[in-house]
PDB file of N, CA and C in Angstrom:
ATOM      1  N   MET A   1     -63.530 -25.091  11.904  1.00  0.00           N
ATOM      2  CA  MET A   1     -62.521 -24.383  12.680  1.00  0.00           C
ATOM      3  C   MET A   1     -62.150 -23.101  11.928  1.00  0.00           C
ATOM      4  N   SER A   2     -62.289 -21.960  12.581  1.00  0.00           N
ATOM      5  CA  SER A   2     -62.018 -20.683  11.911  1.00  0.00           C
ATOM      6  C   SER A   2     -60.522 -20.389  11.892  1.00  0.00           C
ATOM      7  N   ILE A   3     -60.179 -19.381  11.116  1.00  0.00           N
ATOM      8  CA  ILE A   3     -58.767 -19.029  10.978  1.00  0.00           C
ATOM      9  C   ILE A   3     -58.171 -18.524  12.292  1.00  0.00           C
ATOM     10  N   GLU A   4     -58.999 -17.881  13.133  1.00  0.00           N
ATOM     11  CA  GLU A   4     -58.495 -17.387  14.410  1.00  0.00           C
ATOM     12  C   GLU A   4     -58.102 -18.543  15.321  1.00  0.00           C
ATOM     13  N   ASP A   5     -58.838 -19.668  15.221  1.00  0.00           N
ATOM     14  CA  ASP A   5     -58.511 -20.822  16.043  1.00  0.00           C
ATOM     15  C   ASP A   5     -57.231 -21.492  15.585  1.00  0.00           C
ATOM     16  N   ARG A   6     -57.038 -21.543  14.290  1.00  0.00           N
ATOM     17  CA  ARG A   6     -55.887 -22.273  13.748  1.00  0.00           C
ATOM     18  C   ARG A   6     -54.595 -21.462  13.768  1.00  0.00           C
ATOM     19  N   HIS A   7     -54.694 -20.165  13.548  1.00  0.00           N
ATOM     20  CA  HIS A   7     -53.492 -19.348  13.357  1.00  0.00           C
ATOM     21  C   HIS A   7     -53.517 -18.096  14.238  1.00  0.00           C
ATOM     22  N   GLY A   8     -53.831 -18.269  15.498  1.00  0.00           N
ATOM     23  CA  GLY A   8     -53.919 -17.126  16.398  1.00  0.00           C
ATOM     24  C   GLY A   8     -52.602 -16.392  16.560  1.00  0.00           C
ATOM     25  N   ALA A   9     -51.509 -17.140  16.627  1.00  0.00           N
ATOM     26  CA  ALA A   9     -50.200 -16.511  16.812  1.00  0.00           C
ATOM     27  C   ALA A   9     -49.819 -15.667  15.601  1.00  0.00           C
ATOM     28  N   LEU A  10     -50.172 -16.136  14.402  1.00  0.00           N
ATOM     29  CA  LEU A  10     -49.854 -15.360  13.199  1.00  0.00           C
ATOM     30  C   LEU A  10     -50.692 -14.093  13.119  1.00  0.00           C
ATOM     31  N   GLU A  11     -51.948 -14.175  13.585  1.00  0.00           N
ATOM     32  CA  GLU A  11     -52.784 -12.967  13.636  1.00  0.00           C
ATOM     33  C   GLU A  11     -52.162 -11.931  14.571  1.00  0.00           C
ATOM     34  N   VAL A  12     -51.688 -12.387  15.722  1.00  0.00           N
ATOM     35  CA  VAL A  12     -51.049 -11.483  16.684  1.00  0.00           C
ATOM     36  C   VAL A  12     -49.776 -10.904  16.088  1.00  0.00           C
ATOM     37  N   LEU A  13     -49.004 -11.737  15.413  1.00  0.00           N
ATOM     38  CA  LEU A  13     -47.762 -11.274  14.800  1.00  0.00           C
ATOM     39  C   LEU A  13     -48.034 -10.224  13.720  1.00  0.00           C
ATOM     40  N   ALA A  14     -49.054 -10.445  12.907  1.00  0.00           N
ATOM     41  CA  ALA A  14     -49.414  -9.460  11.876  1.00  0.00           C
ATOM     42  C   ALA A  14     -49.820  -8.140  12.522  1.00  0.00           C
ATOM     43  N   PHE A  15     -50.618  -8.219  13.598  1.00  0.00           N
ATOM     44  CA  PHE A  15     -51.019  -7.005  14.304  1.00  0.00           C
ATOM     45  C   PHE A  15     -49.807  -6.278  14.879  1.00  0.00           C
ATOM     46  N   LEU A  16     -48.881  -7.025  15.467  1.00  0.00           N
ATOM     47  CA  LEU A  16     -47.689  -6.398  16.054  1.00  0.00           C
ATOM     48  C   LEU A  16     -46.825  -5.727  14.988  1.00  0.00           C
ATOM     49  N   PHE A  17     -46.677  -6.372  13.837  1.00  0.00           N
ATOM     50  CA  PHE A  17     -45.917  -5.746  12.756  1.00  0.00           C
ATOM     51  C   PHE A  17     -46.552  -4.433  12.336  1.00  0.00           C
ATOM     52  N   LYS A  18     -47.875  -4.407  12.199  1.00  0.00           N
ATOM     53  CA  LYS A  18     -48.549  -3.173  11.790  1.00  0.00           C
ATOM     54  C   LYS A  18     -48.466  -2.114  12.888  1.00  0.00           C
ATOM     55  N   LEU A  19     -48.580  -2.520  14.137  1.00  0.00           N
ATOM     56  CA  LEU A  19     -48.448  -1.573  15.246  1.00  0.00           C
ATOM     57  C   LEU A  19     -47.054  -0.956  15.263  1.00  0.00           C
ATOM     58  N   VAL A  20     -46.037  -1.775  15.129  1.00  0.00           N
ATOM     59  CA  VAL A  20     -44.663  -1.263  15.113  1.00  0.00           C
ATOM     60  C   VAL A  20     -44.454  -0.356  13.906  1.00  0.00           C
ATOM     61  N   GLY A  21     -45.040  -0.698  12.778  1.00  0.00           N
ATOM     62  CA  GLY A  21     -44.928   0.163  11.591  1.00  0.00           C
ATOM     63  C   GLY A  21     -45.489   1.546  11.838  1.00  0.00           C
ATOM     64  N   TRP A  22     -46.655   1.620  12.472  1.00  0.00           N
ATOM     65  CA  TRP A  22     -47.242   2.934  12.775  1.00  0.00           C
ATOM     66  C   TRP A  22     -46.425   3.678  13.831  1.00  0.00           C
ATOM     67  N   LEU A  23     -45.854   2.954  14.789  1.00  0.00           N
ATOM     68  CA  LEU A  23     -44.990   3.606  15.783  1.00  0.00           C
ATOM     69  C   LEU A  23     -43.724   4.156  15.127  1.00  0.00           C
ATOM     70  N   VAL A  24     -43.200   3.444  14.142  1.00  0.00           N
ATOM     71  CA  VAL A  24     -42.030   3.937  13.399  1.00  0.00           C
ATOM     72  C   VAL A  24     -42.390   5.210  12.640  1.00  0.00           C
ATOM     73  N   ILE A  25     -43.572   5.263  12.049  1.00  0.00           N
ATOM     74  CA  ILE A  25     -44.006   6.473  11.342  1.00  0.00           C
ATOM     75  C   ILE A  25     -44.081   7.649  12.305  1.00  0.00           C
ATOM     76  N   ILE A  26     -44.700   7.436  13.450  1.00  0.00           N
ATOM     77  CA  ILE A  26     -44.830   8.516  14.435  1.00  0.00           C
ATOM     78  C   ILE A  26     -43.461   8.958  14.935  1.00  0.00           C
ATOM     79  N   GLY A  27     -42.599   7.998  15.259  1.00  0.00           N
ATOM     80  CA  GLY A  27     -41.255   8.335  15.723  1.00  0.00           C
ATOM     81  C   GLY A  27     -40.443   9.059  14.674  1.00  0.00           C
ATOM     82  N   THR A  28     -40.568   8.632  13.434  1.00  0.00           N
ATOM     83  CA  THR A  28     -39.847   9.286  12.336  1.00  0.00           C
ATOM     84  C   THR A  28     -40.286  10.741  12.187  1.00  0.00           C
ATOM     85  N   LEU A  29     -41.591  10.966  12.237  1.00  0.00           N
ATOM     86  CA  LEU A  29     -42.081  12.348  12.109  1.00  0.00           C
ATOM     87  C   LEU A  29     -41.647  13.212  13.282  1.00  0.00           C
ATOM     88  N   LEU A  30     -41.659  12.650  14.490  1.00  0.00           N
ATOM     89  CA  LEU A  30     -41.217  13.422  15.658  1.00  0.00           C
ATOM     90  C   LEU A  30     -39.731  13.778  15.568  1.00  0.00           C
ATOM     91  N   ILE A  31     -38.904  12.832  15.165  1.00  0.00           N
ATOM     92  CA  ILE A  31     -37.464  13.107  15.033  1.00  0.00           C
ATOM     93  C   ILE A  31     -37.217  14.099  13.897  1.00  0.00           C
ATOM     94  N   PHE A  32     -37.953  13.941  12.800  1.00  0.00           N
ATOM     95  CA  PHE A  32     -37.835  14.871  11.672  1.00  0.00           C
ATOM     96  C   PHE A  32     -38.143  16.302  12.110  1.00  0.00           C
ATOM     97  N   LEU A  33     -39.257  16.478  12.818  1.00  0.00           N
ATOM     98  CA  LEU A  33     -39.624  17.817  13.290  1.00  0.00           C
ATOM     99  C   LEU A  33     -38.636  18.342  14.321  1.00  0.00           C
ATOM    100  N   TRP A  34     -38.139  17.469  15.195  1.00  0.00           N
ATOM    101  CA  TRP A  34     -37.162  17.898  16.195  1.00  0.00           C
ATOM    102  C   TRP A  34     -35.883  18.384  15.519  1.00  0.00           C
ATOM    103  N   LEU A  35     -35.449  17.680  14.480  1.00  0.00           N
ATOM    104  CA  LEU A  35     -34.232  18.099  13.779  1.00  0.00           C
ATOM    105  C   LEU A  35     -34.429  19.436  13.068  1.00  0.00           C
ATOM    106  N   LEU A  36     -35.606  19.669  12.529  1.00  0.00           N
ATOM    107  CA  LEU A  36     -35.841  20.924  11.818  1.00  0.00           C
ATOM    108  C   LEU A  36     -36.123  22.089  12.757  1.00  0.00           C
ATOM    109  N   LEU A  37     -36.885  21.828  13.813  1.00  0.00           N
ATOM    110  CA  LEU A  37     -37.351  22.930  14.653  1.00  0.00           C
ATOM    111  C   LEU A  37     -36.721  22.965  16.041  1.00  0.00           C
ATOM    112  N   GLY A  38     -36.100  21.892  16.438  1.00  0.00           N
ATOM    113  CA  GLY A  38     -35.634  21.770  17.814  1.00  0.00           C
ATOM    114  C   GLY A  38     -34.234  22.300  18.032  1.00  0.00           C
ATOM    115  N   ASN A  39     -33.418  21.504  18.669  1.00  0.00           N
ATOM    116  CA  ASN A  39     -32.077  21.846  19.116  1.00  0.00           C
ATOM    117  C   ASN A  39     -31.185  22.233  17.939  1.00  0.00           C
ATOM    118  N   ARG A  40     -31.037  23.535  17.703  1.00  0.00           N
ATOM    119  CA  ARG A  40     -30.294  24.010  16.537  1.00  0.00           C
ATOM    120  C   ARG A  40     -28.781  23.978  16.738  1.00  0.00           C
ATOM    121  N   GLU A  41     -28.298  24.004  17.961  1.00  0.00           N
ATOM    122  CA  GLU A  41     -26.848  23.995  18.185  1.00  0.00           C
ATOM    123  C   GLU A  41     -26.260  22.599  17.982  1.00  0.00           C
ATOM    124  N   LEU A  42     -27.031  21.575  18.276  1.00  0.00           N
ATOM    125  CA  LEU A  42     -26.520  20.212  18.240  1.00  0.00           C
ATOM    126  C   LEU A  42     -26.130  19.796  16.818  1.00  0.00           C
ATOM    127  N   VAL A  43     -26.951  20.107  15.874  1.00  0.00           N
ATOM    128  CA  VAL A  43     -26.695  19.704  14.491  1.00  0.00           C
ATOM    129  C   VAL A  43     -26.794  20.927  13.571  1.00  0.00           C
ATOM    130  N   ALA A  44     -26.059  21.955  13.896  1.00  0.00           N
ATOM    131  CA  ALA A  44     -26.217  23.256  13.251  1.00  0.00           C
ATOM    132  C   ALA A  44     -26.106  23.198  11.728  1.00  0.00           C
ATOM    133  N   ASN A  45     -25.043  22.650  11.197  1.00  0.00           N
ATOM    134  CA  ASN A  45     -24.816  22.689   9.752  1.00  0.00           C
ATOM    135  C   ASN A  45     -25.453  21.528   9.002  1.00  0.00           C
ATOM    136  N   TYR A  46     -25.873  20.521   9.713  1.00  0.00           N
ATOM    137  CA  TYR A  46     -26.352  19.302   9.062  1.00  0.00           C
ATOM    138  C   TYR A  46     -27.826  19.029   9.325  1.00  0.00           C
ATOM    139  N   ARG A  47     -28.566  20.031   9.751  1.00  0.00           N
ATOM    140  CA  ARG A  47     -29.973  19.834  10.101  1.00  0.00           C
ATOM    141  C   ARG A  47     -30.809  19.305   8.943  1.00  0.00           C
ATOM    142  N   ILE A  48     -30.753  19.985   7.829  1.00  0.00           N
ATOM    143  CA  ILE A  48     -31.605  19.620   6.687  1.00  0.00           C
ATOM    144  C   ILE A  48     -31.234  18.249   6.123  1.00  0.00           C
ATOM    145  N   PRO A  49     -29.955  17.984   5.805  1.00  0.00           N
ATOM    146  CA  PRO A  49     -29.631  16.650   5.273  1.00  0.00           C
ATOM    147  C   PRO A  49     -29.942  15.531   6.262  1.00  0.00           C
ATOM    148  N   LEU A  50     -29.698  15.778   7.530  1.00  0.00           N
ATOM    149  CA  LEU A  50     -29.992  14.774   8.549  1.00  0.00           C
ATOM    150  C   LEU A  50     -31.489  14.528   8.659  1.00  0.00           C
ATOM    151  N   ALA A  51     -32.280  15.590   8.603  1.00  0.00           N
ATOM    152  CA  ALA A  51     -33.728  15.446   8.677  1.00  0.00           C
ATOM    153  C   ALA A  51     -34.270  14.684   7.468  1.00  0.00           C
ATOM    154  N   VAL A  52     -33.755  14.989   6.289  1.00  0.00           N
ATOM    155  CA  VAL A  52     -34.193  14.281   5.088  1.00  0.00           C
ATOM    156  C   VAL A  52     -33.779  12.809   5.167  1.00  0.00           C
ATOM    157  N   GLY A  53     -32.582  12.546   5.654  1.00  0.00           N
ATOM    158  CA  GLY A  53     -32.124  11.164   5.818  1.00  0.00           C
ATOM    159  C   GLY A  53     -32.988  10.390   6.795  1.00  0.00           C
ATOM    160  N   VAL A  54     -33.349  11.024   7.897  1.00  0.00           N
ATOM    161  CA  VAL A  54     -34.222  10.381   8.878  1.00  0.00           C
ATOM    162  C   VAL A  54     -35.579  10.089   8.248  1.00  0.00           C
ATOM    163  N   LEU A  55     -36.086  11.014   7.468  1.00  0.00           N
ATOM    164  CA  LEU A  55     -37.383  10.826   6.820  1.00  0.00           C
ATOM    165  C   LEU A  55     -37.337   9.676   5.815  1.00  0.00           C
ATOM    166  N   ILE A  56     -36.279   9.582   5.041  1.00  0.00           N
ATOM    167  CA  ILE A  56     -36.160   8.515   4.043  1.00  0.00           C
ATOM    168  C   ILE A  56     -36.007   7.157   4.715  1.00  0.00           C
ATOM    169  N   VAL A  57     -35.082   7.051   5.660  1.00  0.00           N
ATOM    170  CA  VAL A  57     -34.833   5.768   6.323  1.00  0.00           C
ATOM    171  C   VAL A  57     -36.039   5.341   7.159  1.00  0.00           C
ATOM    172  N   GLY A  58     -36.633   6.261   7.885  1.00  0.00           N
ATOM    173  CA  GLY A  58     -37.806   5.936   8.690  1.00  0.00           C
ATOM    174  C   GLY A  58     -38.992   5.513   7.845  1.00  0.00           C
ATOM    175  N   SER A  59     -39.189   6.193   6.724  1.00  0.00           N
ATOM    176  CA  SER A  59     -40.286   5.824   5.823  1.00  0.00           C
ATOM    177  C   SER A  59     -40.071   4.439   5.239  1.00  0.00           C
ATOM    178  N   TRP A  60     -38.851   4.141   4.851  1.00  0.00           N
ATOM    179  CA  TRP A  60     -38.541   2.829   4.298  1.00  0.00           C
ATOM    180  C   TRP A  60     -38.783   1.736   5.338  1.00  0.00           C
ATOM    181  N   ASN A  61     -38.306   1.961   6.567  1.00  0.00           N
ATOM    182  CA  ASN A  61     -38.510   0.978   7.627  1.00  0.00           C
ATOM    183  C   ASN A  61     -39.993   0.783   7.933  1.00  0.00           C
ATOM    184  N   ALA A  62     -40.744   1.863   7.976  1.00  0.00           N
ATOM    185  CA  ALA A  62     -42.178   1.763   8.235  1.00  0.00           C
ATOM    186  C   ALA A  62     -42.872   1.008   7.110  1.00  0.00           C
ATOM    187  N   LEU A  63     -42.499   1.288   5.875  1.00  0.00           N
ATOM    188  CA  LEU A  63     -43.100   0.614   4.731  1.00  0.00           C
ATOM    189  C   LEU A  63     -42.858  -0.891   4.786  1.00  0.00           C
ATOM    190  N   ILE A  64     -41.634  -1.292   5.057  1.00  0.00           N
ATOM    191  CA  ILE A  64     -41.298  -2.711   5.120  1.00  0.00           C
ATOM    192  C   ILE A  64     -42.044  -3.386   6.270  1.00  0.00           C
ATOM    193  N   THR A  65     -42.115  -2.730   7.420  1.00  0.00           N
ATOM    194  CA  THR A  65     -42.780  -3.313   8.580  1.00  0.00           C
ATOM    195  C   THR A  65     -44.281  -3.441   8.350  1.00  0.00           C
ATOM    196  N   LEU A  66     -44.918  -2.406   7.829  1.00  0.00           N
ATOM    197  CA  LEU A  66     -46.348  -2.471   7.531  1.00  0.00           C
ATOM    198  C   LEU A  66     -46.642  -3.515   6.450  1.00  0.00           C
ATOM    199  N   ALA A  67     -45.799  -3.581   5.446  1.00  0.00           N
ATOM    200  CA  ALA A  67     -46.007  -4.552   4.368  1.00  0.00           C
ATOM    201  C   ALA A  67     -45.866  -5.984   4.880  1.00  0.00           C
ATOM    202  N   THR A  68     -44.971  -6.207   5.826  1.00  0.00           N
ATOM    203  CA  THR A  68     -44.820  -7.541   6.404  1.00  0.00           C
ATOM    204  C   THR A  68     -46.087  -7.960   7.134  1.00  0.00           C
ATOM    205  N   GLY A  69     -46.658  -7.054   7.909  1.00  0.00           N
ATOM    206  CA  GLY A  69     -47.911  -7.351   8.598  1.00  0.00           C
ATOM    207  C   GLY A  69     -49.040  -7.647   7.627  1.00  0.00           C
ATOM    208  N   GLU A  70     -49.132  -6.865   6.565  1.00  0.00           N
ATOM    209  CA  GLU A  70     -50.173  -7.089   5.558  1.00  0.00           C
ATOM    210  C   GLU A  70     -49.940  -8.407   4.812  1.00  0.00           C
ATOM    211  N   LEU A  71     -48.689  -8.728   4.540  1.00  0.00           N
ATOM    212  CA  LEU A  71     -48.367  -9.963   3.825  1.00  0.00           C
ATOM    213  C   LEU A  71     -48.763 -11.195   4.648  1.00  0.00           C
ATOM    214  N   ILE A  72     -48.532 -11.148   5.945  1.00  0.00           N
ATOM    215  CA  ILE A  72     -48.952 -12.251   6.808  1.00  0.00           C
ATOM    216  C   ILE A  72     -50.465 -12.422   6.728  1.00  0.00           C
ATOM    217  N   GLU A  73     -51.207 -11.320   6.757  1.00  0.00           N
ATOM    218  CA  GLU A  73     -52.661 -11.406   6.663  1.00  0.00           C
ATOM    219  C   GLU A  73     -53.114 -11.946   5.308  1.00  0.00           C
ATOM    220  N   VAL A  74     -52.441 -11.559   4.238  1.00  0.00           N
ATOM    221  CA  VAL A  74     -52.796 -12.065   2.909  1.00  0.00           C
ATOM    222  C   VAL A  74     -52.567 -13.574   2.837  1.00  0.00           C
ATOM    223  N   PHE A  75     -51.445 -14.042   3.374  1.00  0.00           N
ATOM    224  CA  PHE A  75     -51.180 -15.481   3.372  1.00  0.00           C
ATOM    225  C   PHE A  75     -52.228 -16.239   4.175  1.00  0.00           C
ATOM    226  N   LEU A  76     -52.650 -15.678   5.291  1.00  0.00           N
ATOM    227  CA  LEU A  76     -53.689 -16.328   6.094  1.00  0.00           C
ATOM    228  C   LEU A  76     -55.019 -16.374   5.339  1.00  0.00           C
ATOM    229  N   GLU A  77     -55.350 -15.311   4.640  1.00  0.00           N
ATOM    230  CA  GLU A  77     -56.590 -15.299   3.859  1.00  0.00           C
ATOM    231  C   GLU A  77     -56.525 -16.275   2.690  1.00  0.00           C
ATOM    232  N   ILE A  78     -55.360 -16.378   2.045  1.00  0.00           N
ATOM    233  CA  ILE A  78     -55.197 -17.342   0.954  1.00  0.00           C
ATOM    234  C   ILE A  78     -55.382 -18.762   1.488  1.00  0.00           C
ATOM    235  N   GLU A  79     -54.810 -19.037   2.642  1.00  0.00           N
ATOM    236  CA  GLU A  79     -54.939 -20.371   3.238  1.00  0.00           C
ATOM    237  C   GLU A  79     -56.396 -20.681   3.556  1.00  0.00           C
ATOM    238  N   GLU A  80     -57.105 -19.713   4.117  1.00  0.00           N
ATOM    239  CA  GLU A  80     -58.506 -19.925   4.464  1.00  0.00           C
ATOM    240  C   GLU A  80     -59.357 -20.138   3.206  1.00  0.00           C
ATOM    241  N   ASN A  81     -59.143 -19.334   2.183  1.00  0.00           N
ATOM    242  CA  ASN A  81     -59.902 -19.488   0.936  1.00  0.00           C
ATOM    243  C   ASN A  81     -59.604 -20.819   0.257  1.00  0.00           C
ATOM    244  N   THR A  82     -58.354 -21.250   0.287  1.00  0.00           N
ATOM    245  CA  THR A  82     -57.996 -22.539  -0.303  1.00  0.00           C
ATOM    246  C   THR A  82     -58.671 -23.678   0.438  1.00  0.00           C
ATOM    247  N   ARG A  83     -58.690 -23.602   1.763  1.00  0.00           N
ATOM    248  CA  ARG A  83     -59.341 -24.639   2.554  1.00  0.00           C
ATOM    249  C   ARG A  83     -60.834 -24.683   2.273  1.00  0.00           C
ATOM    250  N   ARG A  84     -61.476 -23.528   2.174  1.00  0.00           N
ATOM    251  CA  ARG A  84     -62.911 -23.481   1.872  1.00  0.00           C
ATOM    252  C   ARG A  84     -63.208 -24.068   0.493  1.00  0.00           C
ATOM    253  N   ALA A  85     -62.372 -23.749  -0.483  1.00  0.00           N
ATOM    254  CA  ALA A  85     -62.571 -24.291  -1.832  1.00  0.00           C
ATOM    255  C   ALA A  85     -62.400 -25.805  -1.833  1.00  0.00           C
ATOM    256  N   ALA A  86     -61.420 -26.297  -1.100  1.00  0.00           N
ATOM    257  CA  ALA A  86     -61.196 -27.748  -1.041  1.00  0.00           C
ATOM    258  C   ALA A  86     -62.366 -28.428  -0.333  1.00  0.00           C
ATOM    259  N   ASP A  87     -62.858 -27.824   0.743  1.00  0.00           N
ATOM    260  CA  ASP A  87     -64.015 -28.392   1.442  1.00  0.00           C
ATOM    261  C   ASP A  87     -65.256 -28.407   0.553  1.00  0.00           C
ATOM    262  N   ALA A  88     -65.463 -27.353  -0.206  1.00  0.00           N
ATOM    263  CA  ALA A  88     -66.617 -27.293  -1.109  1.00  0.00           C
ATOM    264  C   ALA A  88     -66.483 -28.332  -2.220  1.00  0.00           C
ATOM    265  N   ALA A  89     -65.282 -28.539  -2.727  1.00  0.00           N
ATOM    266  CA  ALA A  89     -65.060 -29.543  -3.768  1.00  0.00           C
ATOM    267  C   ALA A  89     -65.304 -30.949  -3.220  1.00  0.00           C
ATOM    268  N   MET A  90     -64.907 -31.191  -1.988  1.00  0.00           N
ATOM    269  CA  MET A  90     -65.132 -32.502  -1.373  1.00  0.00           C
ATOM    270  C   MET A  90     -66.621 -32.758  -1.141  1.00  0.00           C
ATOM    271  N   GLU A  91     -67.374 -31.733  -0.787  1.00  0.00           N
ATOM    272  CA  GLU A  91     -68.805 -31.898  -0.555  1.00  0.00           C
ATOM    273  C   GLU A  91     -69.538 -32.206  -1.857  1.00  0.00           C
ATOM    274  N   ARG A  92     -69.085 -31.673  -2.964  1.00  0.00           N
ATOM    275  CA  ARG A  92     -69.718 -31.930  -4.255  1.00  0.00           C
ATOM    276  C   ARG A  92     -69.492 -33.361  -4.708  1.00  0.00           C
ATOM    277  N   ARG A  93     -68.362 -33.934  -4.345  1.00  0.00           N
ATOM    278  CA  ARG A  93     -68.032 -35.305  -4.754  1.00  0.00           C
ATOM    279  C   ARG A  93     -68.845 -36.327  -3.965  1.00  0.00           C
ATOM    280  N   ILE A  94     -69.215 -35.970  -2.750  1.00  0.00           N
ATOM    281  CA  ILE A  94     -69.895 -36.939  -1.892  1.00  0.00           C
ATOM    282  C   ILE A  94     -71.347 -37.020  -2.174  1.00  0.00           C
TER     283      ILE A  94
END
């Protein structure tokens, strides 16, 4: 039984975390550029600090979200490798 059969929901969850992470990166960059180049009257005096804040917070959120997706995949790979090692050890004993 392959890992996709046993843990399909976790594979989907890892993919969704990584997808959301990339969407956060894109959204962060769009908001950052809009604050710097866009509507200058709305945030006239606070454009630069607000843009830097958006970049820092968005980057942090993207990093955490992408890392969560990668961590789920690492745990799944560890589980699969452990199972293979245990199966190989059992075959040697028999």
